[in-house]
Amino acid sequence: MEDEVNSQPVKFVIEHIKRQISERQIVPGERLPSERKLSESLNVSRSHVREALQKMELYGIVKTYPQSGTIVSEFSKDQLDTMITDALKISKYDFGSLVYVRVLLEVEVCKLSAANRTEEDLENIEKALIELEKGFDTDLRVEKDFAFHQAIAVGGHNPVISSLLLIITPDILKYYQKYKVCAVPQKTVHAEHREMLQKIKDKDKDGMKELVLRHLSNLIDFAKTSAKGDIPEFEYGQI
């Protein structure tokens, strides 16, 4: 077990929580031990505990509330077991495949958002964009970028597609942070985000595919390089 802790501490924390749920030591709706207590009891760093909890929150397995701690979501034990198993399995997917699926989904959610967004959705998307622009030169850039794109996904009013993006995005973000994939000039990124927002405001789906491919071109190129060309080309006709 010590080797497992040392080699994959985040996975170890998630599997520990899964066992507690399976054995009903923790039930849906119950609060998890604090980061400090988990760190001490599992002999892992608090940063690894925090990363594990953040990943589980992105998958909807837990929810963190200010002043209240981290609560296990109100799903059945079997549902939670399946969700956690899926969260652990996703790390086995290769990066190129994750990026390819993300591009397909991003094109679709942007089109859907342009067609289905409400005024409230527009407010949320614009708010997320303002937050991203404020935090562009900080450590929060990747997190804020994810929040902006997720706000667009929610505006498409297709919960299946937005959930699929939630599933694959956390692992893509690891590559963003580790390899600084988004080393794109600030002016270019802001302009593309503003163009997305404007098309959604205008309910203009035309050209959205080209815009998304252009916006994610740096990520696509990086995925092709890391996969040594072993992923399909993102031809316009394929999407």
Protein backbone atom coordinates (compact mmCIF):
# COMPACT_ATOMS: atom_id res chain seq x y z
CA MET A 1 0.00 0.00 0.00
CA GLU A 2 2.91 2.34 0.71
CA ASP A 3 4.09 2.04 -2.90
CA GLU A 4 0.59 2.96 -4.11
CA VAL A 5 0.52 6.02 -1.86
CA ASN A 6 3.90 7.19 -3.11
CA SER A 7 3.22 6.60 -6.81
CA GLN A 8 -0.41 7.76 -7.12
CA PRO A 9 -1.43 9.70 -4.01
CA VAL A 10 -4.45 11.40 -5.62
CA LYS A 11 -5.84 8.09 -6.86
CA PHE A 12 -5.15 6.59 -3.43
CA VAL A 13 -7.23 9.30 -1.72
CA ILE A 14 -10.14 8.85 -4.15
CA GLU A 15 -10.12 5.07 -3.73
CA HIS A 16 -10.03 5.46 0.06
CA ILE A 17 -13.17 7.62 -0.06
CA LYS A 18 -14.79 5.15 -2.46
CA ARG A 19 -14.17 2.31 0.01
CA GLN A 20 -15.69 4.33 2.83
CA ILE A 21 -18.81 4.98 0.74
CA SER A 22 -19.03 1.32 -0.32
CA GLU A 23 -18.72 0.18 3.31
CA ARG A 24 -21.23 2.85 4.39
CA GLN A 25 -18.73 4.50 6.71
CA ILE A 26 -19.69 7.65 4.81
CA VAL A 27 -23.20 8.01 3.38
CA PRO A 28 -24.62 10.40 0.75
CA GLY A 29 -25.20 13.83 2.24
CA GLU A 30 -22.57 13.33 4.94
CA ARG A 31 -19.54 15.57 5.42
CA LEU A 32 -16.08 14.20 4.70
CA PRO A 33 -13.23 14.61 7.21
CA SER A 34 -11.24 17.82 6.80
CA GLU A 35 -8.25 18.02 4.45
CA ARG A 36 -5.96 18.02 7.46
CA LYS A 37 -7.50 14.87 8.95
CA LEU A 38 -7.46 13.03 5.62
CA SER A 39 -3.85 14.08 5.08
CA GLU A 40 -2.81 12.80 8.49
CA SER A 41 -4.80 9.55 8.40
CA LEU A 42 -3.71 8.62 4.86
CA ASN A 43 -0.14 9.90 5.20
CA VAL A 44 -0.35 12.04 2.06
CA SER A 45 0.19 15.75 1.60
CA ARG A 46 -2.70 18.18 1.93
CA SER A 47 -2.09 19.30 -1.65
CA HIS A 48 -2.78 15.75 -2.88
CA VAL A 49 -5.93 15.55 -0.73
CA ARG A 50 -7.05 18.90 -2.12
CA GLU A 51 -6.42 17.77 -5.72
CA ALA A 52 -8.38 14.57 -5.12
CA LEU A 53 -11.34 16.48 -3.66
CA GLN A 54 -11.25 19.01 -6.49
CA LYS A 55 -11.34 16.24 -9.06
CA MET A 56 -14.23 14.55 -7.27
CA GLU A 57 -16.09 17.87 -7.14
CA LEU A 58 -15.63 18.39 -10.88
CA TYR A 59 -17.21 14.97 -11.42
CA GLY A 60 -20.12 15.89 -9.15
CA ILE A 61 -19.23 13.27 -6.53
CA VAL A 62 -18.79 15.81 -3.73
CA LYS A 63 -19.63 19.46 -3.17
CA THR A 64 -17.57 21.90 -1.10
CA TYR A 65 -19.41 24.60 0.84
CA PRO A 66 -17.75 27.56 2.59
CA GLN A 67 -17.76 27.06 6.36
CA SER A 68 -19.41 23.63 5.98
CA GLY A 69 -16.71 21.50 4.41
CA THR A 70 -16.99 18.86 1.69
CA ILE A 71 -20.28 16.95 1.42
CA VAL A 72 -20.87 13.68 -0.44
CA SER A 73 -23.48 14.20 -3.16
CA GLU A 74 -27.00 12.91 -2.65
CA PHE A 75 -26.73 9.93 -5.00
CA SER A 76 -27.29 6.28 -4.13
CA LYS A 77 -24.27 4.26 -3.04
CA ASP A 78 -24.28 2.33 -6.35
CA GLN A 79 -24.44 5.54 -8.37
CA LEU A 80 -21.53 7.01 -6.43
CA ASP A 81 -19.52 3.81 -6.87
CA THR A 82 -20.02 4.05 -10.64
CA MET A 83 -19.18 7.76 -10.76
CA ILE A 84 -15.96 7.28 -8.80
CA THR A 85 -14.96 4.27 -10.89
CA ASP A 86 -15.46 6.36 -14.03
CA ALA A 87 -13.43 9.20 -12.54
CA LEU A 88 -10.55 6.80 -11.87
CA LYS A 89 -10.75 5.19 -15.30
CA ILE A 90 -10.67 8.47 -17.20
CA SER A 91 -6.98 8.96 -16.37
CA LYS A 92 -6.21 5.96 -18.56
CA TYR A 93 -7.44 7.72 -21.70
CA ASP A 94 -4.71 9.13 -23.90
CA PHE A 95 -4.42 12.89 -24.21
CA GLY A 96 -4.93 12.97 -27.97
CA SER A 97 -8.29 11.21 -27.69
CA LEU A 98 -9.41 13.52 -24.88
CA VAL A 99 -8.56 16.61 -26.95
CA TYR A 100 -10.30 15.24 -30.03
CA VAL A 101 -13.52 14.64 -28.08
CA ARG A 102 -13.25 18.03 -26.37
CA VAL A 103 -13.05 19.81 -29.74
CA LEU A 104 -16.10 17.95 -31.04
CA LEU A 105 -18.06 18.84 -27.90
CA GLU A 106 -16.91 22.48 -27.82
CA VAL A 107 -18.07 23.04 -31.38
CA GLU A 108 -21.47 21.58 -30.55
CA VAL A 109 -21.99 23.44 -27.25
CA CYS A 110 -21.08 26.76 -28.84
CA LYS A 111 -23.66 26.17 -31.57
CA LEU A 112 -26.25 25.09 -29.02
CA SER A 113 -25.53 28.08 -26.81
CA ALA A 114 -25.99 30.42 -29.75
CA ALA A 115 -29.34 28.79 -30.46
CA ASN A 116 -30.69 28.22 -26.95
CA ARG A 117 -29.13 30.72 -24.54
CA THR A 118 -31.33 32.84 -22.32
CA GLU A 119 -30.63 36.33 -21.03
CA GLU A 120 -29.56 34.77 -17.73
CA ASP A 121 -27.14 32.50 -19.59
CA LEU A 122 -25.67 35.52 -21.36
CA GLU A 123 -25.13 37.26 -18.02
CA ASN A 124 -23.36 34.18 -16.64
CA ILE A 125 -21.16 33.77 -19.73
CA GLU A 126 -20.18 37.45 -19.72
CA LYS A 127 -19.50 37.38 -15.98
CA ALA A 128 -17.26 34.32 -16.42
CA LEU A 129 -15.43 36.07 -19.26
CA ILE A 130 -14.80 39.18 -17.17
CA GLU A 131 -13.45 36.99 -14.35
CA LEU A 132 -11.19 35.20 -16.83
CA GLU A 133 -9.81 38.44 -18.23
CA LYS A 134 -9.11 39.72 -14.72
CA GLY A 135 -7.28 36.53 -13.78
CA PHE A 136 -5.53 35.97 -17.11
CA ASP A 137 -2.04 36.67 -15.78
CA THR A 138 -2.52 34.77 -12.51
CA ASP A 139 -2.44 31.14 -11.40
CA LEU A 140 -6.22 31.12 -11.77
CA ARG A 141 -6.11 31.48 -15.56
CA VAL A 142 -6.78 27.82 -16.39
CA GLU A 143 -9.55 27.53 -13.79
CA LYS A 144 -11.25 30.71 -15.03
CA ASP A 145 -10.91 29.59 -18.66
CA PHE A 146 -12.64 26.33 -17.78
CA ALA A 147 -15.42 28.25 -16.00
CA PHE A 148 -16.00 30.42 -19.08
CA HIS A 149 -16.28 27.46 -21.44
CA GLN A 150 -18.51 25.62 -18.98
CA ALA A 151 -20.82 28.65 -18.79
CA ILE A 152 -21.16 28.43 -22.57
CA ALA A 153 -21.91 24.70 -22.29
CA VAL A 154 -24.63 25.32 -19.69
CA GLY A 155 -26.13 27.92 -22.03
CA GLY A 156 -26.64 25.21 -24.64
CA HIS A 157 -29.22 23.57 -22.35
CA ASN A 158 -28.06 20.04 -23.16
CA PRO A 159 -27.02 18.58 -19.80
CA VAL A 160 -25.57 15.43 -21.37
CA ILE A 161 -23.03 17.34 -23.46
CA SER A 162 -22.11 19.73 -20.65
CA SER A 163 -21.64 16.73 -18.33
CA LEU A 164 -19.38 15.03 -20.86
CA LEU A 165 -17.23 18.14 -20.95
CA LEU A 166 -17.07 18.10 -17.16
CA ILE A 167 -15.84 14.51 -17.26
CA ILE A 168 -12.97 14.99 -19.70
CA THR A 169 -11.87 18.55 -18.91
CA PRO A 170 -10.13 17.95 -15.54
CA ASP A 171 -7.57 15.63 -17.14
CA ILE A 172 -7.00 18.02 -20.03
CA LEU A 173 -6.41 20.84 -17.53
CA LYS A 174 -3.55 18.87 -16.01
CA TYR A 175 -1.73 19.07 -19.34
CA TYR A 176 -2.54 22.77 -19.64
CA GLN A 177 -0.91 23.42 -16.28
CA LYS A 178 2.03 21.04 -16.65
CA TYR A 179 3.07 22.00 -20.18
CA LYS A 180 1.66 25.54 -20.39
CA VAL A 181 -0.27 24.61 -23.51
CA CYS A 182 -2.12 27.93 -23.58
CA ALA A 183 0.95 30.03 -24.31
CA VAL A 184 -1.10 32.18 -26.68
CA PRO A 185 -0.87 36.00 -26.71
CA GLN A 186 -3.38 37.59 -24.34
CA LYS A 187 -4.76 39.88 -27.03
CA THR A 188 -5.55 36.92 -29.33
CA VAL A 189 -7.27 34.88 -26.60
CA HIS A 190 -9.38 37.83 -25.43
CA ALA A 191 -10.42 38.61 -29.00
CA GLU A 192 -11.50 35.02 -29.67
CA HIS A 193 -13.44 34.81 -26.41
CA ARG A 194 -15.19 38.10 -27.16
CA GLU A 195 -16.00 36.83 -30.66
CA MET A 196 -17.58 33.71 -29.14
CA LEU A 197 -19.65 35.82 -26.76
CA GLN A 198 -20.82 38.10 -29.56
CA LYS A 199 -21.90 35.19 -31.75
CA ILE A 200 -23.85 33.73 -28.83
CA LYS A 201 -25.46 37.12 -28.15
CA ASP A 202 -26.44 37.42 -31.81
CA LYS A 203 -27.67 33.81 -31.98
CA ASP A 204 -25.20 33.39 -34.84
CA LYS A 205 -24.14 29.78 -35.35
CA ASP A 206 -22.45 30.49 -38.70
CA GLY A 207 -18.69 30.31 -38.47
CA MET A 208 -18.78 28.95 -34.91
CA LYS A 209 -17.00 25.75 -35.98
CA GLU A 210 -14.16 27.67 -37.60
CA LEU A 211 -13.89 29.94 -34.56
CA VAL A 212 -13.66 27.04 -32.09
CA LEU A 213 -11.06 25.25 -34.22
CA ARG A 214 -9.05 28.45 -34.44
CA HIS A 215 -9.38 29.08 -30.70
CA LEU A 216 -8.25 25.55 -29.81
CA SER A 217 -5.62 25.25 -32.54
CA ASN A 218 -2.74 25.48 -30.05
CA LEU A 219 -4.20 22.63 -27.99
CA ILE A 220 -4.87 20.57 -31.12
CA ASP A 221 -1.29 21.03 -32.35
CA PHE A 222 0.09 20.08 -28.95
CA ALA A 223 -2.08 16.95 -28.85
CA LYS A 224 -0.88 15.93 -32.32
CA THR A 225 2.73 16.42 -31.27
CA SER A 226 2.35 14.51 -28.01
CA ALA A 227 0.55 11.68 -29.83
CA LYS A 228 3.19 11.70 -32.59
CA GLY A 229 0.54 12.22 -35.23
CA ASP A 230 -1.48 9.24 -34.04
CA ILE A 231 -4.84 11.04 -33.84
CA PRO A 232 -7.27 12.01 -36.62
CA GLU A 233 -7.03 15.36 -38.33
CA PHE A 234 -9.61 17.95 -37.30
CA GLU A 235 -10.92 18.58 -40.80
CA TYR A 236 -13.87 20.97 -41.00
CA GLY A 237 -15.97 18.35 -42.76
CA GLN A 238 -15.60 15.91 -39.86
CA ILE A 239 -17.34 18.12 -37.32
